[in-house]
N, C-alpha and C. Protein backbone atom coordinates (compact mmCIF):
# COMPACT_ATOMS: atom_id res chain seq x y z
N MET A 1 0.85 -1.18 0.00
CA MET A 1 0.00 0.00 0.00
C MET A 1 0.90 1.24 0.00
N PRO A 2 0.62 2.20 -0.87
CA PRO A 2 1.43 3.43 -0.90
C PRO A 2 1.34 4.19 0.42
N LYS A 3 2.46 4.77 0.83
CA LYS A 3 2.51 5.50 2.11
C LYS A 3 1.50 6.65 2.15
N ARG A 4 1.25 7.28 1.02
CA ARG A 4 0.34 8.43 1.01
C ARG A 4 -1.07 8.03 1.47
N TRP A 5 -1.41 6.76 1.36
CA TRP A 5 -2.73 6.29 1.78
C TRP A 5 -2.78 5.98 3.27
N LEU A 6 -1.64 5.95 3.93
CA LEU A 6 -1.58 5.58 5.35
C LEU A 6 -1.69 6.80 6.28
N ARG A 7 -2.13 7.91 5.76
CA ARG A 7 -2.25 9.13 6.55
C ARG A 7 -3.58 9.15 7.30
N SER A 8 -3.60 9.83 8.45
CA SER A 8 -4.82 9.88 9.26
C SER A 8 -5.96 10.57 8.53
N ALA A 9 -5.66 11.52 7.65
CA ALA A 9 -6.72 12.19 6.90
C ALA A 9 -7.49 11.18 6.06
N ASN A 10 -6.81 10.23 5.48
CA ASN A 10 -7.48 9.19 4.69
C ASN A 10 -8.30 8.27 5.58
N TYR A 11 -7.74 7.93 6.75
CA TYR A 11 -8.48 7.11 7.70
C TYR A 11 -9.81 7.77 8.06
N TRP A 12 -9.78 9.07 8.38
CA TRP A 12 -11.00 9.76 8.79
C TRP A 12 -12.00 9.88 7.64
N ARG A 13 -11.50 9.95 6.40
CA ARG A 13 -12.42 9.94 5.26
C ARG A 13 -13.16 8.60 5.19
N LEU A 14 -12.42 7.52 5.43
CA LEU A 14 -13.06 6.19 5.44
C LEU A 14 -14.06 6.06 6.58
N VAL A 15 -13.72 6.57 7.75
CA VAL A 15 -14.64 6.54 8.89
C VAL A 15 -15.91 7.29 8.54
N GLU A 16 -15.77 8.48 7.96
CA GLU A 16 -16.95 9.27 7.59
C GLU A 16 -17.78 8.56 6.53
N LEU A 17 -17.13 7.96 5.55
CA LEU A 17 -17.84 7.19 4.53
C LEU A 17 -18.66 6.06 5.17
N GLU A 18 -18.03 5.35 6.10
CA GLU A 18 -18.73 4.24 6.77
C GLU A 18 -19.89 4.76 7.62
N ARG A 19 -19.67 5.85 8.34
CA ARG A 19 -20.73 6.40 9.18
C ARG A 19 -21.91 6.90 8.33
N ARG A 20 -21.60 7.49 7.20
CA ARG A 20 -22.66 8.08 6.38
C ARG A 20 -23.42 7.03 5.58
N TYR A 21 -22.70 6.11 4.93
CA TYR A 21 -23.35 5.17 4.01
C TYR A 21 -23.32 3.72 4.47
N GLY A 22 -22.42 3.37 5.39
CA GLY A 22 -22.38 2.03 5.95
C GLY A 22 -22.05 0.90 4.99
N PRO A 23 -21.09 1.07 4.05
CA PRO A 23 -20.82 -0.03 3.12
C PRO A 23 -20.31 -1.30 3.81
N MET A 24 -19.48 -1.16 4.83
CA MET A 24 -18.97 -2.34 5.53
C MET A 24 -20.07 -3.00 6.35
N ARG A 25 -20.93 -2.20 6.98
CA ARG A 25 -22.05 -2.77 7.73
C ARG A 25 -22.96 -3.58 6.80
N LYS A 26 -23.22 -3.04 5.64
CA LYS A 26 -24.07 -3.75 4.67
C LYS A 26 -23.40 -5.04 4.20
N LEU A 27 -22.11 -4.97 3.92
CA LEU A 27 -21.37 -6.16 3.49
C LEU A 27 -21.36 -7.23 4.59
N GLU A 28 -21.13 -6.82 5.82
CA GLU A 28 -21.12 -7.77 6.93
C GLU A 28 -22.50 -8.41 7.12
N ARG A 29 -23.55 -7.63 6.96
CA ARG A 29 -24.91 -8.17 7.08
C ARG A 29 -25.17 -9.20 5.99
N LEU A 30 -24.72 -8.90 4.75
CA LEU A 30 -24.88 -9.87 3.65
C LEU A 30 -24.12 -11.16 3.93
N ARG A 31 -23.00 -11.06 4.62
CA ARG A 31 -22.20 -12.24 4.97
C ARG A 31 -22.79 -12.99 6.17
N GLY A 32 -23.86 -12.45 6.77
CA GLY A 32 -24.48 -13.10 7.92
C GLY A 32 -23.77 -12.84 9.23
N ARG A 33 -22.93 -11.84 9.29
CA ARG A 33 -22.20 -11.51 10.52
C ARG A 33 -23.01 -10.55 11.37
N PRO A 34 -22.75 -10.55 12.68
CA PRO A 34 -23.55 -9.70 13.57
C PRO A 34 -23.26 -8.21 13.36
N ALA A 35 -24.23 -7.40 13.76
CA ALA A 35 -24.04 -5.95 13.73
C ALA A 35 -22.92 -5.57 14.69
N GLN A 36 -22.25 -4.47 14.40
CA GLN A 36 -21.14 -3.98 15.22
C GLN A 36 -21.54 -2.67 15.89
N GLU A 37 -21.11 -2.51 17.13
CA GLU A 37 -21.32 -1.25 17.86
C GLU A 37 -20.01 -0.50 17.93
N ASP A 38 -20.03 0.78 17.54
CA ASP A 38 -18.85 1.63 17.67
C ASP A 38 -18.61 1.92 19.14
N ILE A 39 -17.36 1.80 19.55
CA ILE A 39 -16.97 2.10 20.93
C ILE A 39 -15.87 3.15 20.87
N VAL A 40 -16.12 4.31 21.44
CA VAL A 40 -15.11 5.35 21.60
C VAL A 40 -15.25 5.81 23.04
N GLN A 41 -14.34 5.37 23.90
CA GLN A 41 -14.44 5.67 25.33
C GLN A 41 -13.09 6.13 25.87
N ASP A 42 -13.17 7.07 26.78
CA ASP A 42 -12.01 7.59 27.49
C ASP A 42 -12.51 7.89 28.90
N ILE A 43 -12.04 7.14 29.89
CA ILE A 43 -12.59 7.26 31.24
C ILE A 43 -11.46 7.41 32.26
N GLU A 44 -11.81 7.91 33.42
CA GLU A 44 -10.89 7.96 34.54
C GLU A 44 -11.52 7.31 35.75
N VAL A 45 -10.73 6.51 36.46
CA VAL A 45 -11.11 5.98 37.76
C VAL A 45 -9.92 6.20 38.69
N THR A 46 -10.18 6.25 39.99
CA THR A 46 -9.08 6.42 40.92
C THR A 46 -8.16 5.21 40.83
N ILE A 47 -6.92 5.42 41.19
CA ILE A 47 -5.95 4.33 41.10
C ILE A 47 -6.37 3.16 41.99
N ALA A 48 -7.10 3.47 43.08
CA ALA A 48 -7.56 2.40 43.97
C ALA A 48 -8.59 1.49 43.29
N ARG A 49 -9.31 2.00 42.28
CA ARG A 49 -10.34 1.21 41.59
C ARG A 49 -9.91 0.76 40.19
N ALA A 50 -8.70 1.14 39.79
CA ALA A 50 -8.23 0.86 38.42
C ALA A 50 -8.18 -0.63 38.10
N SER A 51 -7.78 -1.45 39.04
CA SER A 51 -7.70 -2.89 38.76
C SER A 51 -9.09 -3.47 38.52
N GLU A 52 -10.10 -2.93 39.21
CA GLU A 52 -11.47 -3.40 38.98
C GLU A 52 -11.94 -3.04 37.57
N PHE A 53 -11.61 -1.82 37.14
CA PHE A 53 -12.01 -1.44 35.79
C PHE A 53 -11.24 -2.26 34.77
N PHE A 54 -9.96 -2.47 35.00
CA PHE A 54 -9.15 -3.29 34.10
C PHE A 54 -9.76 -4.68 33.94
N ASP A 55 -10.12 -5.31 35.06
CA ASP A 55 -10.73 -6.65 35.01
C ASP A 55 -12.03 -6.63 34.20
N PHE A 56 -12.87 -5.63 34.44
CA PHE A 56 -14.11 -5.50 33.67
C PHE A 56 -13.80 -5.35 32.19
N LEU A 57 -12.86 -4.47 31.86
CA LEU A 57 -12.55 -4.17 30.47
C LEU A 57 -12.10 -5.42 29.71
N VAL A 58 -11.16 -6.16 30.26
CA VAL A 58 -10.67 -7.34 29.53
C VAL A 58 -11.69 -8.47 29.51
N ARG A 59 -12.58 -8.51 30.49
CA ARG A 59 -13.60 -9.56 30.55
C ARG A 59 -14.80 -9.27 29.65
N GLU A 60 -15.30 -8.02 29.66
CA GLU A 60 -16.56 -7.71 28.99
C GLU A 60 -16.44 -6.85 27.75
N ILE A 61 -15.38 -6.09 27.62
CA ILE A 61 -15.20 -5.20 26.47
C ILE A 61 -13.84 -5.54 25.84
N PRO A 62 -13.75 -6.66 25.15
CA PRO A 62 -12.45 -7.15 24.68
C PRO A 62 -11.86 -6.36 23.52
N ILE A 63 -11.46 -5.13 23.82
CA ILE A 63 -10.79 -4.28 22.84
C ILE A 63 -9.32 -4.23 23.21
N SER A 64 -8.49 -4.48 22.22
CA SER A 64 -7.06 -4.45 22.47
C SER A 64 -6.39 -3.91 21.21
N PRO A 65 -5.40 -3.08 21.36
CA PRO A 65 -4.84 -2.55 22.60
C PRO A 65 -5.72 -1.44 23.16
N PHE A 66 -5.45 -1.05 24.40
CA PHE A 66 -6.12 0.10 24.98
C PHE A 66 -5.09 0.94 25.71
N TRP A 67 -5.42 2.20 25.89
CA TRP A 67 -4.55 3.19 26.49
C TRP A 67 -4.73 3.17 28.00
N VAL A 68 -3.63 3.18 28.75
CA VAL A 68 -3.66 3.28 30.21
C VAL A 68 -2.65 4.34 30.61
N CYS A 69 -3.11 5.35 31.32
CA CYS A 69 -2.22 6.46 31.66
C CYS A 69 -2.60 7.03 33.02
N PRO A 70 -1.65 7.11 33.95
CA PRO A 70 -1.97 7.75 35.24
C PRO A 70 -2.09 9.26 35.05
N LEU A 71 -2.93 9.88 35.86
CA LEU A 71 -3.05 11.33 35.79
C LEU A 71 -3.45 11.86 37.15
N ARG A 72 -3.16 13.13 37.32
CA ARG A 72 -3.51 13.83 38.54
C ARG A 72 -3.85 15.27 38.17
N PRO A 73 -4.91 15.85 38.74
CA PRO A 73 -5.21 17.25 38.44
C PRO A 73 -3.99 18.13 38.72
N ARG A 74 -3.79 19.15 37.87
CA ARG A 74 -2.60 19.99 37.97
C ARG A 74 -2.63 20.96 39.14
N ASP A 75 -3.82 21.32 39.59
CA ASP A 75 -3.89 22.26 40.71
C ASP A 75 -5.09 21.92 41.61
N ARG A 76 -5.31 22.75 42.59
CA ARG A 76 -6.34 22.46 43.61
C ARG A 76 -7.75 22.79 43.14
N ARG A 77 -7.90 23.53 42.05
CA ARG A 77 -9.24 23.90 41.60
C ARG A 77 -9.98 22.68 41.05
N ARG A 78 -11.29 22.70 41.19
CA ARG A 78 -12.13 21.63 40.64
C ARG A 78 -12.86 22.16 39.41
N TRP A 79 -13.04 21.29 38.44
CA TRP A 79 -13.85 21.64 37.28
C TRP A 79 -15.30 21.41 37.67
N ALA A 80 -16.12 22.40 37.51
CA ALA A 80 -17.52 22.23 37.88
C ALA A 80 -18.20 21.15 37.04
N LEU A 81 -17.82 21.06 35.77
CA LEU A 81 -18.50 20.13 34.87
C LEU A 81 -17.81 18.78 34.76
N TYR A 82 -16.64 18.66 35.35
CA TYR A 82 -15.90 17.39 35.27
C TYR A 82 -15.09 17.25 36.55
N PRO A 83 -15.78 17.06 37.68
CA PRO A 83 -15.09 17.10 38.97
C PRO A 83 -14.17 15.90 39.20
N LEU A 84 -12.93 16.21 39.49
CA LEU A 84 -11.96 15.21 39.91
C LEU A 84 -11.40 15.66 41.25
N ASP A 85 -11.14 14.73 42.14
CA ASP A 85 -10.56 15.04 43.44
C ASP A 85 -9.11 15.47 43.25
N PRO A 86 -8.75 16.71 43.63
CA PRO A 86 -7.38 17.17 43.41
C PRO A 86 -6.33 16.40 44.21
N ASP A 87 -6.76 15.64 45.22
CA ASP A 87 -5.81 14.87 46.02
C ASP A 87 -5.67 13.43 45.53
N ALA A 88 -6.45 13.05 44.54
CA ALA A 88 -6.44 11.66 44.08
C ALA A 88 -5.60 11.50 42.81
N THR A 89 -5.04 10.33 42.67
CA THR A 89 -4.40 9.94 41.41
C THR A 89 -5.39 9.06 40.67
N TYR A 90 -5.54 9.32 39.39
CA TYR A 90 -6.48 8.59 38.55
C TYR A 90 -5.72 7.78 37.51
N VAL A 91 -6.41 6.83 36.95
CA VAL A 91 -5.89 6.10 35.80
C VAL A 91 -6.89 6.30 34.67
N ASN A 92 -6.37 6.77 33.54
CA ASN A 92 -7.19 6.96 32.36
C ASN A 92 -7.10 5.70 31.50
N PHE A 93 -8.25 5.22 31.06
CA PHE A 93 -8.33 4.12 30.11
C PHE A 93 -8.97 4.66 28.84
N GLY A 94 -8.32 4.49 27.72
CA GLY A 94 -8.88 4.89 26.45
C GLY A 94 -8.98 3.68 25.55
N PHE A 95 -10.14 3.48 24.93
CA PHE A 95 -10.31 2.33 24.05
C PHE A 95 -11.29 2.67 22.95
N TRP A 96 -10.92 2.30 21.73
CA TRP A 96 -11.68 2.67 20.54
C TRP A 96 -11.68 1.50 19.58
N SER A 97 -12.85 1.05 19.20
CA SER A 97 -12.97 -0.04 18.24
C SER A 97 -14.45 -0.30 17.99
N THR A 98 -14.76 -1.49 17.51
CA THR A 98 -16.14 -1.94 17.38
C THR A 98 -16.24 -3.29 18.07
N LEU A 99 -17.43 -3.60 18.54
CA LEU A 99 -17.71 -4.91 19.13
C LEU A 99 -19.00 -5.45 18.53
N PRO A 100 -19.06 -6.76 18.33
CA PRO A 100 -20.29 -7.33 17.78
C PRO A 100 -21.42 -7.27 18.81
N LEU A 101 -22.61 -7.09 18.30
CA LEU A 101 -23.82 -7.13 19.11
C LEU A 101 -24.47 -8.49 18.96
N ALA A 102 -24.90 -9.07 20.05
CA ALA A 102 -25.65 -10.33 19.97
C ALA A 102 -26.99 -10.05 19.31
N TYR A 103 -27.56 -11.04 18.70
CA TYR A 103 -28.84 -10.88 18.02
C TYR A 103 -29.86 -10.27 18.99
N GLY A 104 -30.49 -9.20 18.55
CA GLY A 104 -31.50 -8.53 19.36
C GLY A 104 -30.96 -7.46 20.29
N GLN A 105 -29.65 -7.38 20.49
CA GLN A 105 -29.10 -6.33 21.35
C GLN A 105 -29.16 -5.00 20.61
N PRO A 106 -29.62 -3.94 21.27
CA PRO A 106 -29.67 -2.63 20.61
C PRO A 106 -28.29 -1.98 20.57
N ASP A 107 -28.11 -1.08 19.61
CA ASP A 107 -26.90 -0.29 19.57
C ASP A 107 -26.78 0.47 20.90
N GLY A 108 -25.59 0.52 21.44
CA GLY A 108 -25.37 1.19 22.72
C GLY A 108 -25.25 0.22 23.89
N THR A 109 -25.47 -1.07 23.66
CA THR A 109 -25.42 -2.06 24.74
C THR A 109 -24.06 -2.03 25.45
N HIS A 110 -22.98 -2.08 24.68
CA HIS A 110 -21.64 -2.10 25.29
C HIS A 110 -21.29 -0.75 25.92
N ASN A 111 -21.64 0.33 25.22
CA ASN A 111 -21.35 1.66 25.74
C ASN A 111 -22.10 1.93 27.04
N ARG A 112 -23.36 1.51 27.12
CA ARG A 112 -24.11 1.70 28.37
C ARG A 112 -23.50 0.89 29.50
N ARG A 113 -23.00 -0.28 29.20
CA ARG A 113 -22.36 -1.09 30.24
C ARG A 113 -21.10 -0.38 30.76
N VAL A 114 -20.33 0.20 29.87
CA VAL A 114 -19.15 0.98 30.30
C VAL A 114 -19.59 2.12 31.20
N GLU A 115 -20.62 2.86 30.80
CA GLU A 115 -21.11 3.97 31.62
C GLU A 115 -21.54 3.50 33.01
N GLN A 116 -22.22 2.38 33.06
CA GLN A 116 -22.69 1.83 34.33
C GLN A 116 -21.51 1.48 35.24
N VAL A 117 -20.51 0.79 34.72
CA VAL A 117 -19.37 0.37 35.54
C VAL A 117 -18.55 1.58 35.98
N VAL A 118 -18.34 2.54 35.10
CA VAL A 118 -17.59 3.74 35.47
C VAL A 118 -18.28 4.44 36.64
N GLU A 119 -19.60 4.57 36.57
CA GLU A 119 -20.33 5.22 37.66
C GLU A 119 -20.24 4.39 38.95
N GLU A 120 -20.38 3.06 38.85
CA GLU A 120 -20.27 2.20 40.03
C GLU A 120 -18.92 2.35 40.72
N LEU A 121 -17.87 2.60 39.93
CA LEU A 121 -16.51 2.73 40.47
C LEU A 121 -16.17 4.16 40.86
N GLY A 122 -17.15 5.08 40.74
CA GLY A 122 -16.90 6.47 41.11
C GLY A 122 -16.03 7.21 40.12
N GLY A 123 -15.96 6.74 38.88
CA GLY A 123 -15.12 7.35 37.87
C GLY A 123 -15.85 8.39 37.05
N ARG A 124 -15.16 8.88 36.03
CA ARG A 124 -15.71 9.88 35.12
C ARG A 124 -15.45 9.42 33.69
N LYS A 125 -16.38 9.78 32.81
CA LYS A 125 -16.24 9.54 31.38
C LYS A 125 -15.99 10.87 30.71
N SER A 126 -14.99 10.95 29.84
CA SER A 126 -14.75 12.22 29.15
C SER A 126 -15.94 12.56 28.28
N LEU A 127 -16.12 13.84 28.07
CA LEU A 127 -17.30 14.31 27.35
C LEU A 127 -17.24 14.00 25.86
N TYR A 128 -16.08 13.72 25.32
CA TYR A 128 -16.03 13.39 23.90
C TYR A 128 -16.20 11.89 23.65
N SER A 129 -16.32 11.11 24.69
CA SER A 129 -16.61 9.68 24.53
C SER A 129 -18.00 9.49 23.95
N ASP A 130 -18.25 8.33 23.35
CA ASP A 130 -19.62 8.00 22.94
C ASP A 130 -20.49 8.08 24.19
N SER A 131 -21.63 8.73 24.08
CA SER A 131 -22.48 8.93 25.24
C SER A 131 -23.88 8.40 24.95
N TYR A 132 -24.37 7.58 25.85
CA TYR A 132 -25.71 7.02 25.74
C TYR A 132 -26.57 7.41 26.94
N TYR A 133 -26.15 8.45 27.68
CA TYR A 133 -26.93 8.94 28.81
C TYR A 133 -28.22 9.57 28.31
N ASP A 134 -29.28 9.44 29.10
CA ASP A 134 -30.45 10.25 28.79
C ASP A 134 -30.20 11.64 29.39
N ARG A 135 -31.07 12.57 29.07
CA ARG A 135 -30.87 13.97 29.47
C ARG A 135 -30.69 14.12 30.99
N ASP A 136 -31.57 13.53 31.79
CA ASP A 136 -31.49 13.69 33.25
C ASP A 136 -30.19 13.11 33.81
N GLU A 137 -29.81 11.95 33.32
CA GLU A 137 -28.59 11.30 33.78
C GLU A 137 -27.36 12.14 33.42
N PHE A 138 -27.34 12.66 32.19
CA PHE A 138 -26.23 13.50 31.75
C PHE A 138 -26.06 14.70 32.67
N TRP A 139 -27.17 15.41 32.94
CA TRP A 139 -27.06 16.62 33.75
C TRP A 139 -26.77 16.31 35.21
N ARG A 140 -27.17 15.17 35.71
CA ARG A 140 -26.82 14.77 37.08
C ARG A 140 -25.31 14.57 37.17
N LEU A 141 -24.73 13.96 36.17
CA LEU A 141 -23.29 13.67 36.18
C LEU A 141 -22.42 14.87 35.84
N HIS A 142 -22.98 15.81 35.10
CA HIS A 142 -22.19 16.95 34.61
C HIS A 142 -22.74 18.29 35.07
N ASP A 143 -23.24 18.35 36.29
CA ASP A 143 -23.69 19.57 36.96
C ASP A 143 -24.40 20.55 36.02
N GLY A 144 -25.64 20.22 35.72
CA GLY A 144 -26.44 21.03 34.82
C GLY A 144 -26.60 22.47 35.26
N ARG A 145 -26.64 22.71 36.58
CA ARG A 145 -26.78 24.09 37.06
C ARG A 145 -25.53 24.91 36.75
N ALA A 146 -24.34 24.31 36.95
CA ALA A 146 -23.10 25.03 36.63
C ALA A 146 -23.02 25.29 35.13
N TYR A 147 -23.42 24.30 34.34
CA TYR A 147 -23.42 24.48 32.89
C TYR A 147 -24.36 25.63 32.51
N GLY A 148 -25.54 25.68 33.13
CA GLY A 148 -26.48 26.76 32.84
C GLY A 148 -25.89 28.13 33.15
N ARG A 149 -25.19 28.24 34.29
CA ARG A 149 -24.55 29.51 34.64
C ARG A 149 -23.49 29.89 33.59
N LEU A 150 -22.66 28.92 33.20
CA LEU A 150 -21.64 29.19 32.18
C LEU A 150 -22.28 29.58 30.85
N LYS A 151 -23.31 28.88 30.49
CA LYS A 151 -23.98 29.15 29.21
C LYS A 151 -24.58 30.55 29.20
N ARG A 152 -25.25 30.93 30.29
CA ARG A 152 -25.83 32.27 30.36
C ARG A 152 -24.74 33.34 30.33
N ALA A 153 -23.61 33.05 30.96
CA ALA A 153 -22.55 34.05 31.06
C ALA A 153 -21.74 34.20 29.77
N TYR A 154 -21.49 33.11 29.07
CA TYR A 154 -20.53 33.16 27.98
C TYR A 154 -21.09 32.85 26.60
N ASP A 155 -22.32 32.44 26.48
CA ASP A 155 -22.88 32.08 25.18
C ASP A 155 -23.62 33.27 24.60
N ALA A 156 -22.89 34.10 23.89
CA ALA A 156 -23.48 35.31 23.33
C ALA A 156 -24.43 35.02 22.17
N VAL A 157 -24.29 33.87 21.51
CA VAL A 157 -25.12 33.58 20.34
C VAL A 157 -26.37 32.79 20.68
N GLY A 158 -26.49 32.29 21.88
CA GLY A 158 -27.70 31.60 22.30
C GLY A 158 -27.90 30.25 21.64
N CYS A 159 -26.86 29.44 21.56
CA CYS A 159 -27.00 28.10 21.00
C CYS A 159 -27.96 27.28 21.86
N PRO A 160 -28.63 26.31 21.26
CA PRO A 160 -29.55 25.48 22.05
C PRO A 160 -28.80 24.73 23.15
N GLY A 161 -29.49 24.45 24.25
CA GLY A 161 -28.86 23.80 25.39
C GLY A 161 -29.02 22.29 25.40
N ASP A 162 -29.23 21.70 24.26
CA ASP A 162 -29.40 20.25 24.20
C ASP A 162 -28.20 19.55 24.81
N HIS A 163 -28.43 18.46 25.54
CA HIS A 163 -27.33 17.81 26.25
C HIS A 163 -26.30 17.21 25.30
N LEU A 164 -26.66 16.90 24.07
CA LEU A 164 -25.67 16.38 23.12
C LEU A 164 -24.73 17.49 22.67
N ILE A 165 -25.27 18.68 22.42
CA ILE A 165 -24.43 19.82 22.08
C ILE A 165 -23.63 20.23 23.31
N ALA A 166 -24.23 20.12 24.47
CA ALA A 166 -23.57 20.52 25.71
C ALA A 166 -22.31 19.73 25.96
N ARG A 167 -22.24 18.49 25.50
CA ARG A 167 -21.02 17.69 25.69
C ARG A 167 -19.82 18.45 25.17
N LEU A 168 -19.93 19.01 23.96
CA LEU A 168 -18.80 19.72 23.36
C LEU A 168 -18.56 21.06 24.05
N GLU A 169 -19.65 21.81 24.32
CA GLU A 169 -19.49 23.09 24.99
C GLU A 169 -18.90 22.90 26.39
N ALA A 170 -19.41 21.93 27.12
CA ALA A 170 -18.95 21.73 28.49
C ALA A 170 -17.49 21.31 28.52
N GLU A 171 -17.07 20.46 27.59
CA GLU A 171 -15.67 20.05 27.53
C GLU A 171 -14.78 21.27 27.30
N HIS A 172 -15.19 22.13 26.38
CA HIS A 172 -14.41 23.33 26.07
C HIS A 172 -14.35 24.26 27.28
N TRP A 173 -15.51 24.56 27.88
CA TRP A 173 -15.53 25.47 29.02
C TRP A 173 -14.83 24.88 30.22
N ALA A 174 -14.99 23.61 30.47
CA ALA A 174 -14.31 22.99 31.62
C ALA A 174 -12.81 23.08 31.44
N PHE A 175 -12.33 22.80 30.24
CA PHE A 175 -10.89 22.89 30.00
C PHE A 175 -10.41 24.32 30.19
N ASP A 176 -11.12 25.28 29.59
CA ASP A 176 -10.70 26.68 29.72
C ASP A 176 -10.70 27.13 31.18
N ALA A 177 -11.74 26.76 31.93
CA ALA A 177 -11.81 27.17 33.33
C ALA A 177 -10.68 26.53 34.12
N TRP A 178 -10.44 25.25 33.88
CA TRP A 178 -9.40 24.53 34.60
C TRP A 178 -8.02 25.05 34.24
N ALA A 179 -7.80 25.38 33.00
CA ALA A 179 -6.49 25.85 32.56
C ALA A 179 -6.22 27.27 33.01
N GLY A 180 -7.23 27.92 33.57
CA GLY A 180 -7.01 29.26 34.10
C GLY A 180 -7.26 30.37 33.11
N SER A 181 -7.73 30.06 31.91
CA SER A 181 -7.97 31.12 30.95
C SER A 181 -9.22 31.93 31.29
N LEU A 182 -10.06 31.40 32.19
CA LEU A 182 -11.21 32.15 32.69
C LEU A 182 -10.96 32.39 34.18
N PRO A 183 -10.42 33.53 34.54
CA PRO A 183 -10.04 33.74 35.94
C PRO A 183 -11.20 33.66 36.91
N ASN A 184 -12.40 33.98 36.47
CA ASN A 184 -13.58 33.77 37.31
C ASN A 184 -14.73 33.45 36.38
N LEU A 185 -15.84 33.04 36.92
CA LEU A 185 -16.95 32.61 36.09
C LEU A 185 -17.98 33.71 35.86
N ARG A 186 -17.62 34.95 36.14
CA ARG A 186 -18.54 36.06 35.87
C ARG A 186 -18.21 36.64 34.50
N ALA A 187 -19.20 36.74 33.67
CA ALA A 187 -18.98 37.29 32.31
C ALA A 187 -18.89 38.80 32.38
N PRO A 188 -18.15 39.39 31.42
CA PRO A 188 -18.16 40.84 31.32
C PRO A 188 -19.59 41.32 31.05
N ALA A 189 -19.91 42.51 31.50
CA ALA A 189 -21.28 43.02 31.35
C ALA A 189 -21.75 42.98 29.91
N SER A 190 -20.85 43.16 28.97
CA SER A 190 -21.24 43.17 27.55
C SER A 190 -21.68 41.81 27.06
N HIS A 191 -21.39 40.74 27.82
CA HIS A 191 -21.75 39.40 27.40
C HIS A 191 -22.96 38.82 28.15
N THR A 192 -23.53 39.59 29.04
CA THR A 192 -24.66 39.05 29.80
C THR A 192 -25.96 39.42 29.10
N ARG A 193 -26.96 38.63 29.33
CA ARG A 193 -28.28 38.93 28.81
C ARG A 193 -29.31 38.39 29.79
N PRO A 194 -30.49 38.99 29.82
CA PRO A 194 -31.50 38.49 30.75
C PRO A 194 -31.83 37.03 30.44
N VAL A 195 -32.09 36.28 31.47
CA VAL A 195 -32.43 34.87 31.32
C VAL A 195 -33.90 34.71 31.61
N ALA A 196 -34.59 34.06 30.68
CA ALA A 196 -36.02 33.83 30.88
C ALA A 196 -36.22 32.84 32.01
N ALA A 197 -37.21 33.06 32.84
CA ALA A 197 -37.48 32.17 33.96
C ALA A 197 -38.14 30.92 33.49
């Protein structure tokens, strides 16, 4: 295969082609193979619970290889939308692939199981991971009130507050707040607007 075809830009074109038209899904169905669920997950659990997540991952979500990286918050501040204990060391697990679905299993079966185990272990799922939370569950995990305050303060264009769009906005704002680029959460007067009750 020519090296020019091994670039990530070409890979992402193929991913988009598959997502849009599903030629491989259709071919696999014609071959009688099971449907596949896309898995894109990046999670953190405390180091004390990391072995439990590792055991779950290799037993129930057989994706290999996967990323394992220790991390610790850089300073004492907490992210309102992605709270991590500043005194704890975490282990990040990243895993991306597809897994077959058993006959009759709905799309999201494996992803929901990951979400369930991460919550049971007191961990966090990054906001860019595949998300199968319903609206109430999402806002319970990602402090909907803090998000609302940030949105009212900094969203001058009034984008919709749908929880799927919020995943991207919240990730951006949480990173900016944590990195210190927003010294406080009060917007300049020119960026505020009345909020309907």
